[in-house]
């Protein structure tokens, strides 16, 4: 990441929109502390993963969600930059 560059995250964008549009609960899961800080400032509840890599079921808060969004820029995980809504 370049110095002075904001942490790029399609997930942060989705979390910010959810908060702004009145979602009752917005959980944000990431391994990068700077993104977790931004998520909290946006009004989401941040949850740290153990490490970079595959997200484990235990990393996700146990609750029922009406909508879940997974965002990644990893080509190996998806076809380019994407954001999925379940």
Protein backbone atom coordinates (compact mmCIF):
# COMPACT_ATOMS: atom_id res chain seq x y z
CA UNK A 1 0.00 0.00 0.00
CA UNK A 2 1.31 3.45 -0.86
CA UNK A 3 1.97 5.86 1.98
CA UNK A 4 -0.84 8.38 2.52
CA UNK A 5 -3.21 6.06 0.65
CA UNK A 6 -6.50 5.12 2.25
CA UNK A 7 -6.97 1.41 2.84
CA UNK A 8 -8.95 0.23 -0.16
CA UNK A 9 -11.86 -2.01 0.72
CA UNK A 10 -15.06 -2.71 -1.11
CA UNK A 11 -16.28 -4.17 2.19
CA UNK A 12 -15.79 -0.81 3.96
CA UNK A 13 -17.83 0.83 1.23
CA UNK A 14 -20.63 -1.72 1.72
CA UNK A 15 -20.50 -1.34 5.52
CA UNK A 16 -20.65 2.44 5.29
CA UNK A 17 -23.64 2.30 2.96
CA UNK A 18 -25.44 -0.15 5.23
CA UNK A 19 -24.95 2.11 8.26
CA UNK A 20 -25.95 5.22 6.33
CA UNK A 21 -29.12 3.55 5.08
CA UNK A 22 -30.21 2.53 8.57
CA UNK A 23 -29.16 -1.10 9.00
CA UNK A 24 -29.80 -2.11 12.61
CA UNK A 25 -26.62 -4.22 12.81
CA UNK A 26 -23.49 -3.91 10.66
CA UNK A 27 -20.60 -6.26 11.48
CA UNK A 28 -17.29 -5.71 9.67
CA UNK A 29 -14.72 -8.54 9.65
CA UNK A 30 -11.13 -7.95 8.51
CA UNK A 31 -7.53 -8.73 9.46
CA UNK A 32 -6.20 -5.18 8.91
CA UNK A 33 -6.34 -2.89 11.98
CA UNK A 34 -6.58 0.30 9.89
CA UNK A 35 -9.70 -1.01 8.15
CA UNK A 36 -11.24 -2.09 11.45
CA UNK A 37 -10.69 1.45 12.80
CA UNK A 38 -12.38 2.97 9.76
CA UNK A 39 -15.30 0.54 10.02
CA UNK A 40 -15.83 1.55 13.64
CA UNK A 41 -15.74 5.25 12.70
CA UNK A 42 -18.39 4.53 10.06
CA UNK A 43 -20.64 3.01 12.74
CA UNK A 44 -20.05 -0.68 12.07
CA UNK A 45 -18.99 -3.16 14.74
CA UNK A 46 -15.44 -4.32 13.90
CA UNK A 47 -14.36 -7.95 14.32
CA UNK A 48 -10.71 -8.95 13.84
CA UNK A 49 -9.76 -12.20 12.12
CA UNK A 50 -6.89 -14.27 13.46
CA UNK A 51 -4.77 -13.68 10.36
CA UNK A 52 -4.79 -12.89 6.67
CA UNK A 53 -6.11 -15.71 4.59
CA UNK A 54 -9.23 -17.77 4.43
CA UNK A 55 -12.04 -16.53 6.64
CA UNK A 56 -13.05 -19.11 9.24
CA UNK A 57 -16.60 -19.67 10.43
CA UNK A 58 -15.44 -18.72 13.95
CA UNK A 59 -14.38 -15.25 12.66
CA UNK A 60 -18.00 -14.34 11.93
CA UNK A 61 -20.26 -13.20 14.78
CA UNK A 62 -22.99 -15.73 15.57
CA UNK A 63 -26.27 -14.08 14.57
CA UNK A 64 -28.93 -14.28 11.90
CA UNK A 65 -28.38 -11.82 9.06
CA UNK A 66 -30.95 -10.61 6.55
CA UNK A 67 -28.13 -9.65 4.16
CA UNK A 68 -24.45 -10.63 4.13
CA UNK A 69 -21.86 -9.05 1.84
CA UNK A 70 -18.50 -10.59 1.00
CA UNK A 71 -16.06 -8.32 -0.79
CA UNK A 72 -12.57 -9.09 -2.06
CA UNK A 73 -9.98 -7.82 -4.50
CA UNK A 74 -8.25 -11.20 -4.62
CA UNK A 75 -8.33 -12.63 -8.12
CA UNK A 76 -7.58 -16.06 -6.72
CA UNK A 77 -10.83 -15.99 -4.73
CA UNK A 78 -13.14 -14.44 -7.30
CA UNK A 79 -13.10 -13.20 -10.85
CA UNK A 80 -11.49 -9.82 -10.22
CA UNK A 81 -12.76 -7.21 -7.82
CA UNK A 82 -16.22 -8.11 -6.68
CA UNK A 83 -18.81 -7.82 -4.01
CA UNK A 84 -21.34 -10.59 -3.41
CA UNK A 85 -24.64 -10.19 -1.62
CA UNK A 86 -26.16 -13.34 -0.18
